Protein backbone atom coordinates (compact mmCIF):
# COMPACT_ATOMS: atom_id res chain seq x y z
CA MET A 1 -0.02 0.00 -0.02
CA LEU A 2 1.05 3.58 -0.57
CA ASP A 3 2.02 4.30 2.99
CA THR A 4 4.61 1.52 2.80
CA VAL A 5 6.47 3.14 -0.10
CA VAL A 6 10.12 3.56 0.70
CA GLN A 7 11.85 6.90 0.15
CA SER A 8 15.42 5.77 0.63
CA PRO A 9 18.34 8.18 0.76
CA ASP A 10 20.42 5.50 -0.92
CA ILE A 11 18.50 4.34 -3.93
CA ASP A 12 21.45 2.37 -5.37
CA ALA A 13 21.76 0.30 -2.22
CA LEU A 14 18.04 -0.40 -2.18
CA MET A 15 17.93 -1.35 -5.86
CA ASN A 16 21.03 -3.46 -5.80
CA ASP A 17 19.59 -5.43 -2.92
CA ILE A 18 16.45 -6.01 -4.98
CA GLY A 19 18.66 -7.13 -7.88
CA ARG A 20 20.54 -9.63 -5.71
CA LYS A 21 17.29 -11.12 -4.42
CA ALA A 22 15.90 -11.40 -7.93
CA LYS A 23 19.02 -13.10 -9.21
CA ALA A 24 19.05 -15.54 -6.31
CA ALA A 25 15.38 -16.37 -6.96
CA ALA A 26 15.92 -16.81 -10.70
CA ARG A 27 18.02 -19.98 -10.29
CA PRO A 28 15.48 -22.19 -8.49
CA LEU A 29 12.65 -20.70 -10.55
CA GLY A 30 14.56 -21.51 -13.78
CA PHE A 31 14.35 -25.25 -13.13
CA ALA A 32 11.06 -25.31 -11.17
CA SER A 33 8.56 -27.90 -12.39
CA THR A 34 5.74 -26.95 -14.71
CA ALA A 35 3.28 -28.15 -12.03
CA SER A 36 4.66 -25.81 -9.36
CA LYS A 37 4.72 -22.80 -11.70
CA ASN A 38 1.13 -23.50 -12.79
CA ALA A 39 0.08 -23.93 -9.11
CA ALA A 40 1.58 -20.55 -8.36
CA LEU A 41 -0.27 -18.96 -11.31
CA ALA A 42 -3.58 -20.54 -10.26
CA ALA A 43 -3.10 -19.22 -6.71
CA MET A 44 -2.32 -15.78 -8.06
CA ALA A 45 -5.52 -15.71 -10.09
CA ASP A 46 -7.53 -16.86 -7.09
CA ALA A 47 -5.96 -14.24 -4.89
CA ILE A 48 -6.82 -11.47 -7.40
CA ILE A 49 -10.46 -12.51 -7.44
CA ALA A 50 -10.55 -12.88 -3.64
CA ASN A 51 -9.03 -9.38 -3.25
CA LYS A 52 -11.00 -7.72 -6.02
CA ALA A 53 -12.70 -5.26 -3.71
CA HIS A 54 -9.36 -4.14 -2.25
CA ILE A 55 -7.77 -3.82 -5.72
CA LEU A 56 -10.66 -1.69 -6.97
CA SER A 57 -10.59 0.43 -3.84
CA GLU A 58 -6.90 1.14 -4.26
CA ASN A 59 -7.44 1.89 -7.95
CA ALA A 60 -10.16 4.40 -7.01
CA LYS A 61 -7.59 6.26 -4.89
CA ASP A 62 -5.16 6.30 -7.83
CA LEU A 63 -7.91 7.61 -10.13
CA LYS A 64 -8.85 10.29 -7.62
CA ASP A 65 -5.26 11.58 -7.62
CA ALA A 66 -5.12 11.42 -11.39
CA SER A 67 -8.33 13.43 -11.75
CA GLY A 68 -6.63 16.39 -10.14
CA GLY A 69 -3.84 16.59 -12.71
CA ASP A 70 -3.49 17.06 -16.45
CA MET A 71 -3.29 13.37 -17.33
CA LEU A 72 -4.53 12.56 -20.83
CA ALA A 73 -7.80 10.65 -21.16
CA SER A 74 -5.92 7.74 -22.73
CA PHE A 75 -3.72 7.41 -19.68
CA VAL A 76 -6.70 7.58 -17.36
CA ASP A 77 -8.29 4.78 -19.39
CA ARG A 78 -5.19 2.64 -19.05
CA LEU A 79 -5.07 3.37 -15.32
CA THR A 80 -8.71 2.50 -14.75
CA LEU A 81 -9.65 -0.94 -13.38
CA THR A 82 -13.24 -2.21 -13.39
CA ASP A 83 -14.85 -5.33 -12.10
CA LYS A 84 -14.61 -6.81 -15.61
CA ARG A 85 -10.97 -5.81 -16.09
CA VAL A 86 -9.96 -7.42 -12.81
CA ASP A 87 -11.80 -10.60 -13.84
CA GLU A 88 -9.99 -10.45 -17.18
CA MET A 89 -6.69 -10.03 -15.34
CA ALA A 90 -7.27 -13.25 -13.44
CA GLU A 91 -8.46 -15.02 -16.59
CA GLY A 92 -5.29 -13.93 -18.35
CA ILE A 93 -3.15 -15.46 -15.61
CA ARG A 94 -5.12 -18.75 -15.89
CA ALA A 95 -4.64 -18.68 -19.68
CA ILE A 96 -0.87 -18.32 -19.16
CA ALA A 97 -0.93 -21.32 -16.83
CA ALA A 98 -2.68 -23.34 -19.57
CA LEU A 99 0.08 -22.60 -22.07
CA LYS A 100 2.78 -25.08 -22.84
CA ASP A 101 5.83 -24.59 -20.63
CA PRO A 102 8.57 -23.22 -22.90
CA VAL A 103 11.45 -24.00 -20.54
CA GLY A 104 13.33 -27.13 -21.68
CA GLU A 105 11.49 -27.33 -25.03
CA VAL A 106 13.71 -28.70 -27.82
CA ILE A 107 13.44 -26.08 -30.54
CA THR A 108 15.31 -28.19 -33.09
CA ASN A 109 17.88 -30.99 -33.19
CA TRP A 110 20.19 -32.54 -35.70
CA ASP A 111 22.97 -35.10 -36.00
CA ARG A 112 26.51 -34.47 -37.23
CA PRO A 113 28.50 -36.87 -39.45
CA ASN A 114 30.77 -37.65 -36.53
CA GLY A 115 27.82 -38.95 -34.50
CA LEU A 116 27.27 -35.94 -32.25
CA GLU A 117 23.64 -35.22 -31.48
CA ILE A 118 22.92 -31.51 -31.07
CA GLU A 119 19.77 -29.92 -29.54
CA ARG A 120 18.79 -26.28 -29.25
CA VAL A 121 16.70 -25.93 -26.05
CA ARG A 122 14.71 -23.06 -24.56
CA THR A 123 16.04 -21.62 -21.33
CA PRO A 124 14.94 -18.64 -19.15
CA LEU A 125 16.49 -15.24 -19.75
CA GLY A 126 17.15 -14.78 -16.01
CA VAL A 127 16.06 -11.47 -14.43
CA ILE A 128 13.79 -9.13 -16.36
CA GLY A 129 13.20 -5.49 -15.44
CA VAL A 130 9.84 -4.03 -16.49
CA ILE A 131 9.29 -0.28 -16.25
CA PHE A 132 5.74 0.87 -16.90
CA GLU A 133 3.35 3.77 -16.55
CA SER A 134 -0.39 4.00 -15.85
CA ARG A 135 -1.00 0.32 -16.52
CA PRO A 136 -1.67 -1.62 -13.29
CA ASN A 137 -2.61 -4.69 -15.31
CA VAL A 138 1.00 -4.95 -16.47
CA THR A 139 1.84 -5.96 -12.90
CA ALA A 140 -0.20 -9.13 -13.31
CA ASP A 141 0.66 -9.81 -16.96
CA ALA A 142 4.41 -9.34 -16.51
CA GLY A 143 4.58 -11.21 -13.23
CA ALA A 144 2.64 -14.22 -14.56
CA LEU A 145 4.45 -14.39 -17.92
CA CYS A 146 7.86 -14.19 -16.29
CA VAL A 147 7.09 -16.91 -13.79
CA LYS A 148 5.78 -19.23 -16.54
CA ALA A 149 9.00 -18.68 -18.51
CA GLY A 150 11.14 -19.29 -15.43
CA ASN A 151 12.35 -15.70 -14.98
CA SER A 152 12.50 -13.40 -11.99
CA VAL A 153 11.01 -9.96 -12.63
CA ILE A 154 11.56 -6.54 -11.09
CA LEU A 155 8.56 -4.27 -11.66
CA ARG A 156 8.79 -0.52 -11.50
CA CYS A 157 5.38 1.05 -11.90
CA GLY A 158 4.62 4.75 -12.30
CA SER A 159 3.59 6.75 -9.25
CA ASP A 160 0.13 7.18 -10.73
CA SER A 161 -0.61 3.45 -10.45
CA ARG A 162 1.29 2.78 -7.20
CA ARG A 163 -1.67 1.77 -5.05
CA SER A 164 -3.32 -0.44 -7.72
CA SER A 165 -0.05 -2.12 -8.70
CA THR A 166 0.84 -2.82 -5.08
CA ALA A 167 -2.56 -4.43 -4.40
CA ILE A 168 -2.09 -6.71 -7.41
CA TYR A 169 1.53 -7.46 -6.57
CA GLU A 170 0.55 -8.65 -3.11
CA CYS A 171 -1.71 -11.23 -4.77
CA LEU A 172 1.14 -12.46 -6.98
CA VAL A 173 3.36 -12.95 -3.96
CA GLN A 174 0.61 -14.94 -2.28
CA GLY A 175 0.63 -17.24 -5.29
CA LEU A 176 4.38 -17.75 -5.18
CA LYS A 177 4.28 -18.59 -1.48
CA ALA A 178 1.34 -20.98 -1.91
CA ALA A 179 3.30 -22.96 -4.47
CA GLY A 180 6.56 -22.94 -2.53
CA LEU A 181 8.36 -20.80 -5.08
CA PRO A 182 10.79 -18.00 -4.03
CA GLU A 183 8.75 -14.91 -3.18
CA HIS A 184 11.50 -12.62 -4.55
CA ALA A 185 10.89 -14.03 -8.00
CA ILE A 186 8.48 -11.07 -8.36
CA GLN A 187 9.41 -7.76 -6.76
CA LEU A 188 7.75 -4.37 -7.03
CA VAL A 189 10.16 -1.46 -6.56
CA PRO A 190 9.05 0.15 -3.26
CA THR A 191 9.98 3.69 -4.11
CA THR A 192 8.61 6.41 -6.42
CA ASP A 193 12.04 8.01 -6.68
CA ARG A 194 12.92 8.30 -10.35
CA ALA A 195 16.52 7.42 -9.51
CA ALA A 196 15.30 3.81 -9.20
CA VAL A 197 14.72 3.77 -12.99
CA GLY A 198 18.29 4.91 -13.58
CA ALA A 199 19.57 2.15 -11.30
CA MET A 200 17.64 -0.45 -13.23
CA LEU A 201 18.94 0.87 -16.55
CA ARG A 202 22.48 0.44 -15.24
CA GLY A 203 21.66 -3.23 -14.63
CA LEU A 204 21.81 -3.44 -10.78
CA GLU A 205 25.40 -4.69 -10.72
CA GLY A 206 24.82 -7.24 -13.43
CA SER A 207 21.60 -8.66 -11.97
CA ILE A 208 19.22 -7.56 -14.73
CA ASP A 209 19.41 -9.41 -18.07
CA VAL A 210 16.75 -7.55 -20.06
CA ILE A 211 14.74 -4.31 -19.67
CA ILE A 212 11.21 -3.93 -21.07
CA PRO A 213 9.66 -0.45 -21.06
CA ARG A 214 5.90 0.08 -21.24
CA GLY A 215 4.95 3.70 -21.38
CA GLY A 216 5.03 6.94 -23.31
CA LYS A 217 7.56 8.03 -25.89
CA SER A 218 9.67 9.88 -23.32
CA LEU A 219 10.05 6.83 -21.10
CA VAL A 220 10.92 4.51 -23.98
CA SER A 221 13.44 7.03 -25.36
CA ARG A 222 15.12 7.34 -21.98
CA VAL A 223 15.32 3.57 -21.62
CA GLN A 224 16.82 3.16 -25.07
CA ASN A 225 19.31 5.98 -24.55
CA GLU A 226 20.50 5.04 -21.04
CA ALA A 227 20.16 1.27 -20.74
CA ARG A 228 23.36 -0.70 -20.19
CA VAL A 229 21.51 -3.99 -20.72
CA PRO A 230 19.47 -5.28 -23.72
CA VAL A 231 16.05 -3.66 -24.27
CA PHE A 232 12.88 -5.05 -25.77
CA ALA A 233 11.77 -1.79 -27.35
CA HIS A 234 8.07 -0.96 -27.32
CA LEU A 235 7.79 2.17 -29.40
CA GLU A 236 4.68 4.24 -30.06
CA GLY A 237 1.86 2.57 -31.95
CA LEU A 238 1.60 4.77 -35.03
CA CYS A 239 -0.70 2.31 -36.75
CA HIS A 240 -2.10 2.58 -40.26
CA ILE A 241 -4.97 1.02 -42.22
CA TYR A 242 -5.07 1.07 -46.00
CA VAL A 243 -8.48 0.83 -47.70
CA ASP A 244 -7.90 -0.55 -51.19
CA ALA A 245 -10.14 -0.08 -54.23
CA SER A 246 -11.13 -3.77 -53.88
CA ALA A 247 -12.29 -3.31 -50.25
CA ASP A 248 -15.81 -4.14 -49.21
CA LEU A 249 -17.20 -0.78 -48.04
CA ASP A 250 -19.36 -2.12 -45.21
CA MET A 251 -16.47 -4.21 -43.91
CA ALA A 252 -14.17 -1.20 -44.07
CA LYS A 253 -16.67 0.89 -42.06
CA ASN A 254 -16.89 -1.70 -39.28
CA ILE A 255 -13.15 -2.24 -39.12
CA LEU A 256 -12.22 1.46 -39.07
CA VAL A 257 -14.65 2.33 -36.28
CA ASN A 258 -13.49 -0.61 -34.20
CA ALA A 259 -9.78 0.02 -34.89
CA LYS A 260 -10.06 3.69 -33.78
CA MET A 261 -12.86 3.85 -31.25
CA ARG A 262 -13.00 0.53 -29.33
CA ARG A 263 -10.26 1.81 -27.04
CA THR A 264 -8.52 4.90 -28.30
CA GLY A 265 -5.72 4.81 -25.72
CA ILE A 266 -4.12 1.49 -26.63
CA CYS A 267 -1.09 1.10 -28.85
CA GLY A 268 -3.06 -0.93 -31.40
CA ALA A 269 -5.56 1.88 -32.10
CA VAL A 270 -5.31 3.08 -35.69
CA GLU A 271 -3.95 6.63 -36.08
CA THR A 272 -3.86 7.09 -39.87
CA ILE A 273 -6.27 5.83 -42.54
CA LEU A 274 -5.22 5.75 -46.16
CA VAL A 275 -7.83 5.47 -48.90
CA ASP A 276 -7.18 4.40 -52.46
CA SER A 277 -7.75 7.33 -54.87
CA ALA A 278 -9.61 4.93 -57.19
CA VAL A 279 -12.54 4.83 -54.72
CA LYS A 280 -12.29 8.42 -53.49
CA ASP A 281 -15.73 9.24 -54.90
CA THR A 282 -17.48 6.16 -53.53
CA HIS A 283 -15.75 5.19 -50.30
CA LEU A 284 -14.14 8.29 -48.77
CA VAL A 285 -17.17 10.30 -47.57
CA PRO A 286 -19.07 7.26 -46.20
CA LEU A 287 -15.97 6.25 -44.22
CA LEU A 288 -15.56 9.78 -42.86
CA GLU A 289 -19.22 9.93 -41.92
CA VAL A 290 -19.20 6.69 -39.97
CA LEU A 291 -16.13 7.81 -38.03
CA SER A 292 -17.65 11.17 -37.23
CA GLU A 293 -20.86 9.53 -36.08
CA ALA A 294 -18.81 7.39 -33.75
CA GLY A 295 -17.41 10.55 -32.14
CA CYS A 296 -14.07 10.64 -33.91
CA GLU A 297 -12.41 13.87 -35.04
CA VAL A 298 -11.06 13.55 -38.57
CA ARG A 299 -8.05 15.49 -39.80
CA GLY A 300 -7.63 15.19 -43.54
CA SER A 301 -5.17 15.90 -46.33
CA SER A 302 -6.07 18.58 -48.86
CA VAL A 303 -7.77 15.99 -51.09
CA VAL A 304 -9.86 14.78 -48.16
CA VAL A 305 -10.84 18.35 -47.14
CA ASN A 306 -11.91 19.13 -50.72
CA ALA A 307 -14.01 15.97 -50.86
CA ALA A 308 -15.57 16.61 -47.46
CA PRO A 309 -15.76 20.32 -46.70
CA GLY A 310 -15.71 20.96 -42.98
CA THR A 311 -13.05 18.34 -42.30
CA LYS A 312 -10.21 19.74 -40.24
CA PRO A 313 -7.07 20.12 -42.34
CA ALA A 314 -4.18 17.88 -41.24
CA THR A 315 -0.79 19.41 -40.53
CA ASP A 316 2.58 17.80 -41.24
CA ASP A 317 2.75 16.72 -37.61
CA ASP A 318 -0.49 14.78 -37.81
CA TRP A 319 1.07 12.06 -39.94
CA SER A 320 3.64 11.31 -37.26
CA THR A 321 1.37 11.65 -34.21
CA GLU A 322 0.12 8.82 -32.00
CA TYR A 323 -3.08 10.50 -30.84
CA LEU A 324 -4.22 7.93 -28.25
CA ASP A 325 -7.49 9.79 -28.48
CA ALA A 326 -10.65 9.97 -30.65
CA ILE A 327 -8.72 11.61 -33.48
CA VAL A 328 -7.60 10.11 -36.77
CA SER A 329 -5.70 11.48 -39.80
CA VAL A 330 -6.94 10.51 -43.27
CA ALA A 331 -5.19 10.74 -46.62
CA VAL A 332 -5.97 9.66 -50.14
CA VAL A 333 -3.12 7.71 -51.82
CA ASP A 334 -2.42 6.34 -55.27
CA GLY A 335 -3.18 2.67 -54.68
CA ILE A 336 -1.01 0.17 -52.87
CA SER A 337 2.19 1.89 -54.02
CA GLY A 338 1.11 5.17 -52.41
CA ALA A 339 0.05 3.40 -49.25
CA ILE A 340 3.35 1.60 -48.94
CA GLU A 341 5.27 4.83 -49.48
CA HIS A 342 3.27 6.68 -46.81
CA ILE A 343 3.59 3.87 -44.26
CA GLN A 344 7.33 3.48 -44.86
CA THR A 345 7.72 7.23 -44.27
CA TYR A 346 5.74 7.59 -41.06
CA SER A 347 5.22 4.16 -39.48
CA SER A 348 6.67 3.22 -36.05
CA ASN A 349 6.74 -0.40 -37.32
CA HIS A 350 4.14 -1.49 -34.81
CA THR A 351 0.97 -2.58 -36.64
CA GLU A 352 -0.50 -1.96 -40.06
CA ALA A 353 -3.64 -3.31 -41.79
CA VAL A 354 -4.97 -3.62 -45.33
CA ILE A 355 -8.65 -3.92 -46.22
CA ALA A 356 -8.82 -5.52 -49.66
CA GLU A 357 -10.32 -8.39 -51.64
CA ASP A 358 -7.57 -8.31 -54.28
CA SER A 359 -5.09 -11.01 -53.22
CA SER A 360 -2.27 -9.42 -55.21
CA VAL A 361 -2.64 -6.23 -53.15
CA VAL A 362 -2.63 -8.19 -49.89
CA GLU A 363 0.42 -10.17 -51.00
CA ARG A 364 2.35 -7.00 -51.84
CA PHE A 365 1.31 -5.31 -48.57
CA PHE A 366 2.52 -8.28 -46.55
CA ARG A 367 5.74 -8.58 -48.55
CA GLU A 368 6.83 -4.93 -48.59
CA ILE A 369 5.62 -3.56 -45.22
CA ASP A 370 8.08 -4.49 -42.44
CA SER A 371 6.10 -3.76 -39.25
CA ALA A 372 5.92 -6.21 -36.41
CA ILE A 373 2.25 -7.05 -37.01
CA LEU A 374 0.36 -6.99 -40.34
CA LEU A 375 -3.36 -7.70 -40.68
CA HIS A 376 -5.71 -8.30 -43.61
CA ASN A 377 -9.38 -7.45 -43.28
CA ALA A 378 -9.18 -7.14 -39.49
CA SER A 379 -8.97 -4.40 -36.85
CA THR A 380 -5.58 -3.23 -35.63
CA GLN A 381 -6.92 -3.66 -32.11
CA PHE A 382 -6.08 -7.37 -32.45
CA ALA A 383 -2.44 -6.35 -31.92
CA ASP A 384 -2.45 -7.94 -28.49
CA GLY A 385 -0.79 -10.99 -26.99
CA GLY A 386 -4.04 -12.22 -25.46
CA GLU A 387 -5.71 -12.10 -28.89
CA PHE A 388 -2.73 -14.03 -30.30
CA GLY A 389 -3.40 -16.86 -27.84
CA MET A 390 -0.43 -15.96 -25.63
CA GLY A 391 -2.59 -15.47 -22.54
CA ALA A 392 -1.18 -11.97 -22.08
CA GLU A 393 1.82 -9.89 -23.13
CA ILE A 394 4.40 -7.61 -21.58
CA GLY A 395 4.39 -5.42 -24.64
CA ILE A 396 4.64 -5.25 -28.44
CA ALA A 397 8.32 -5.25 -29.38
CA THR A 398 9.00 -3.12 -32.44
CA GLY A 399 12.67 -3.88 -32.78
CA LYS A 400 14.14 -6.73 -34.79
CA MET A 401 16.48 -8.41 -32.30
CA HIS A 402 15.28 -11.46 -30.33
CA ALA A 403 11.66 -10.52 -29.66
CA ARG A 404 9.29 -8.88 -32.12
CA GLY A 405 5.57 -8.35 -31.88
CA PRO A 406 3.66 -9.49 -28.74
CA VAL A 407 6.13 -10.48 -26.03
CA GLY A 408 4.76 -13.67 -24.41
CA VAL A 409 6.29 -16.63 -22.68
CA GLU A 410 8.36 -17.91 -25.65
CA GLN A 411 9.79 -14.44 -26.21
CA LEU A 412 10.90 -14.35 -22.58
CA THR A 413 13.28 -17.27 -23.16
CA SER A 414 16.65 -17.66 -24.77
CA PHE A 415 18.22 -20.99 -25.69
CA LYS A 416 21.24 -23.16 -25.04
CA TYR A 417 22.75 -26.11 -26.91
CA ARG A 418 22.93 -29.63 -25.58
CA VAL A 419 25.44 -31.86 -27.37
CA HIS A 420 25.42 -35.65 -26.84
CA GLY A 421 28.43 -37.72 -27.78
CA THR A 422 29.75 -41.26 -27.54
CA GLY A 423 33.36 -40.44 -26.86
CA GLN A 424 34.19 -38.22 -29.86
CA ILE A 425 37.33 -36.09 -29.78
CA ARG A 426 38.28 -33.35 -32.20
CA THR A 427 41.44 -33.90 -34.22
């Protein structure tokens, strides 16, 4: 709870101690049985449901504090927990428990001419540091995913979600204890001092193996610039949808409204819509109307403004803005080539979608766009580990090294080689 938050004069000493405990817990957790890990996860989910009233009460306090500031509506939405969202949090943990245990899985194997048998086998990463803002659900998702993958995790939440995250964290520790797993396998940093983030980025004397940031552009930029350990980058979700001339108009309407308005504050919300010039006269205005009717502000290119007088003109900044709000920028492009050019210029390489019935257009879109997630005839809001069948995710990695796309249990593992011989020596 908030009144237990530590304000230590020696943040490095505090954080290094957390790192040592996490590293010590990582070893037994790394070879813990699937049954014991799943038992811990089941107990965590049960504890969250049993303590739902307390979690919601603590969240209400966080929301009250947030209401007095200048926090964006998208951040308030991410901070908000409801009865349903707490239930979904517990369901997500149970879904993670139901997943195949990645640790020890033989990824591939082969034999050498000299008789050696070689296996590549999944192994935990070790200690993972997760730094996040305004997302108390990340506490549960990250804790559960890391335990399933055999990793210790150090969680550093934002001060705005401190009470909520602490209430959830206490449930996770209950689960670890119930299953006889080391309680320091999951630790929540007990200080709001920003120096704790710097200590984590320096690696806590070699204790942290990977850092995962979940937050705004400034947080992610700081992590990428200062981290002394590998980072699974989660950049802004500047997502695009291209509506091709072959698109079904009714399908496009439904997808666009869902992709923008279902939850405007998530990274999978579409921010820019591109419409094929070949259907400007038939598709553009109906698409703009359905978005406006849903409560979305449209900012259009000059062609869009001319076609729909009254549309707010888009500025150059609009094409590179992640609104995280009920705002979308719309441009008319010259077919798939124009769409690809626009996306390659402005995309954050998170998620892009194409609405089309022409298979050659879809094939080219999938071949030439190099974002982490590509969709055909589906909402960008499916850019989510839970929707991918991963139970949950820690984030959507937009880099190209190790993890890319939703970061689930498999992405939280590395691998090692096991080589079996019968007495071979190398000449």
